[in-house]
Amino acid sequence: MFIQFGYVTLFSCAFPTAAMWALLNNVIEIRSDAFKLCMTYQRPFGVRVATIGTWQKALELMSIVAVLVNCVLIGTSDLSNRLFPDMSASERIIYIVVFEHVLLVMRLLIAHAIPDVPLWVAQQKARLEFLRREAFKVSLVP
């Protein structure tokens, strides 16, 4: 899945239909895994974990590299030459770097705007913690 994410994000401007093929692949994989779990194997036991671990950092790094690669691919493509025919090579590089920085700042703002834990999950956890403490208080009173 990480390699597929890399192909889709790194080369989306060179092969735009990659996202569609990745979606189709994931739908087929979900259905085949569901069939395999229901018909072939017993249900696996779930293990709770707090995060996805190192994969979170790897995916974040991949998204940063994807912004850089796509900006360079778009900036050096024939399309940018047709859109800005009178730009020199140094002006085009400056344009690519500024555009890339704008996209990275937007990515950072979006990452901070979306909470890691949804509000309803945080409220439910707080409610369960309150009920747990209240039950513990009642059990201690003789």
Protein backbone atom coordinates (compact mmCIF):
# COMPACT_ATOMS: atom_id res chain seq x y z
CA MET A 1 0.00 0.00 0.00
CA PHE A 2 2.90 2.36 0.73
CA ILE A 3 4.40 1.74 -2.70
CA GLN A 4 1.01 2.32 -4.31
CA PHE A 5 0.65 5.58 -2.36
CA GLY A 6 4.08 6.58 -3.62
CA TYR A 7 3.23 5.91 -7.25
CA VAL A 8 -0.05 7.80 -7.02
CA THR A 9 1.34 10.85 -5.23
CA LEU A 10 4.78 11.10 -6.81
CA PHE A 11 3.69 10.80 -10.41
CA SER A 12 0.12 12.05 -10.40
CA CYS A 13 0.87 14.85 -12.85
CA ALA A 14 2.60 12.45 -15.26
CA PHE A 15 -0.10 9.74 -15.03
CA PRO A 16 -3.35 11.27 -13.69
CA THR A 17 -5.40 8.10 -14.02
CA ALA A 18 -3.15 6.32 -11.50
CA ALA A 19 -5.48 7.40 -8.69
CA MET A 20 -8.45 5.80 -10.45
CA TRP A 21 -6.55 2.54 -10.97
CA ALA A 22 -5.38 2.59 -7.34
CA LEU A 23 -8.98 3.05 -6.17
CA LEU A 24 -10.14 0.16 -8.34
CA ASN A 25 -7.28 -1.99 -7.02
CA ASN A 26 -8.16 -1.16 -3.41
CA VAL A 27 -11.85 -1.96 -3.89
CA ILE A 28 -10.97 -5.33 -5.42
CA GLU A 29 -8.45 -5.99 -2.64
CA ILE A 30 -10.99 -5.15 0.08
CA ARG A 31 -13.57 -7.48 -1.43
CA SER A 32 -11.08 -10.32 -1.95
CA ASP A 33 -9.78 -9.93 1.63
CA ALA A 34 -13.36 -9.98 2.93
CA PHE A 35 -14.07 -13.16 0.96
CA LYS A 36 -10.84 -14.72 2.22
CA LEU A 37 -11.64 -13.87 5.86
CA CYS A 38 -15.25 -15.05 5.62
CA MET A 39 -14.80 -18.22 3.58
CA THR A 40 -11.26 -19.44 4.08
CA TYR A 41 -9.82 -18.32 7.40
CA GLN A 42 -11.20 -17.74 10.84
CA ARG A 43 -11.69 -14.25 12.07
CA PRO A 44 -8.39 -12.77 13.29
CA PHE A 45 -8.13 -11.28 16.73
CA GLY A 46 -7.80 -7.51 16.67
CA VAL A 47 -4.98 -5.81 18.52
CA ARG A 48 -5.46 -2.23 19.69
CA VAL A 49 -2.66 0.20 18.99
CA ALA A 50 -2.42 3.94 19.56
CA THR A 51 -0.93 4.93 16.19
CA ILE A 52 0.29 3.43 12.95
CA GLY A 53 3.83 3.95 14.20
CA THR A 54 6.68 4.57 11.80
CA TRP A 55 4.35 4.42 8.81
CA GLN A 56 2.89 7.81 9.81
CA LYS A 57 6.30 9.47 9.47
CA ALA A 58 7.01 7.61 6.24
CA LEU A 59 3.70 8.73 4.70
CA GLU A 60 4.26 12.34 5.80
CA LEU A 61 7.74 12.30 4.27
CA MET A 62 6.33 10.78 1.09
CA SER A 63 3.74 13.57 0.85
CA ILE A 64 6.46 16.23 1.16
CA VAL A 65 8.58 14.52 -1.50
CA ALA A 66 5.47 14.24 -3.70
CA VAL A 67 4.96 18.01 -3.57
CA LEU A 68 8.59 18.56 -4.57
CA VAL A 69 8.54 16.01 -7.40
CA ASN A 70 5.24 17.20 -8.85
CA CYS A 71 6.33 20.85 -8.75
CA VAL A 72 9.53 19.99 -10.62
CA LEU A 73 7.66 17.83 -13.14
CA ILE A 74 5.10 20.56 -13.80
CA GLY A 75 7.73 23.31 -13.85
CA THR A 76 9.96 21.53 -16.35
CA SER A 77 7.16 20.26 -18.57
CA ASP A 78 6.25 21.60 -21.96
CA LEU A 79 3.04 23.02 -20.49
CA SER A 80 4.91 25.52 -18.36
CA ASN A 81 6.96 26.49 -21.42
CA ARG A 82 3.73 27.20 -23.32
CA LEU A 83 2.09 29.06 -20.42
CA PHE A 84 5.12 31.25 -19.75
CA PRO A 85 7.07 31.45 -23.02
CA ASP A 86 8.95 34.62 -22.14
CA MET A 87 10.32 33.35 -18.79
CA SER A 88 14.01 32.67 -18.52
CA ALA A 89 15.32 29.47 -16.96
CA SER A 90 16.23 31.21 -13.68
CA GLU A 91 12.79 32.86 -13.46
CA ARG A 92 11.15 29.50 -14.03
CA ILE A 93 13.22 27.91 -11.23
CA ILE A 94 12.26 30.74 -8.88
CA TYR A 95 8.60 30.24 -9.87
CA ILE A 96 8.84 26.49 -9.14
CA VAL A 97 10.47 27.07 -5.74
CA VAL A 98 7.89 29.71 -4.70
CA PHE A 99 4.99 27.49 -5.85
CA GLU A 100 6.47 24.53 -4.00
CA HIS A 101 6.82 26.54 -0.79
CA VAL A 102 3.22 27.74 -1.05
CA LEU A 103 2.02 24.15 -1.41
CA LEU A 104 4.14 22.97 1.53
CA VAL A 105 2.73 25.75 3.75
CA MET A 106 -0.81 24.80 2.66
CA ARG A 107 -0.05 21.16 3.50
CA LEU A 108 1.23 22.17 6.93
CA LEU A 109 -1.84 24.32 7.63
CA ILE A 110 -4.22 21.55 6.59
CA ALA A 111 -2.32 19.02 8.72
CA HIS A 112 -2.66 21.25 11.79
CA ALA A 113 -6.28 22.17 11.05
CA ILE A 114 -7.46 18.55 11.08
CA PRO A 115 -7.25 17.04 14.58
CA ASP A 116 -5.68 13.63 15.09
CA VAL A 117 -8.65 12.52 17.19
CA PRO A 118 -12.14 13.56 16.05
CA LEU A 119 -14.17 15.61 18.53
CA TRP A 120 -16.85 12.95 18.95
CA VAL A 121 -14.20 10.32 19.79
CA ALA A 122 -12.58 12.61 22.38
CA GLN A 123 -15.97 13.32 23.94
CA GLN A 124 -16.84 9.61 24.06
CA LYS A 125 -13.49 8.80 25.68
CA ALA A 126 -14.00 11.55 28.27
CA ARG A 127 -17.50 10.25 28.99
CA LEU A 128 -16.29 6.68 29.44
CA GLU A 129 -13.46 7.86 31.69
CA PHE A 130 -15.96 9.82 33.81
CA LEU A 131 -18.26 6.80 34.10
CA ARG A 132 -15.31 4.58 35.01
CA ARG A 133 -14.25 6.95 37.79
CA GLU A 134 -17.81 7.25 39.09
CA ALA A 135 -18.17 3.45 39.16
CA PHE A 136 -14.85 3.18 40.99
CA LYS A 137 -16.04 5.75 43.60
CA VAL A 138 -19.28 3.85 44.16
CA SER A 139 -17.45 0.56 44.59
CA LEU A 140 -15.18 2.06 47.29
CA VAL A 141 -18.04 3.47 49.40
CA PRO A 142 -19.26 0.83 51.96
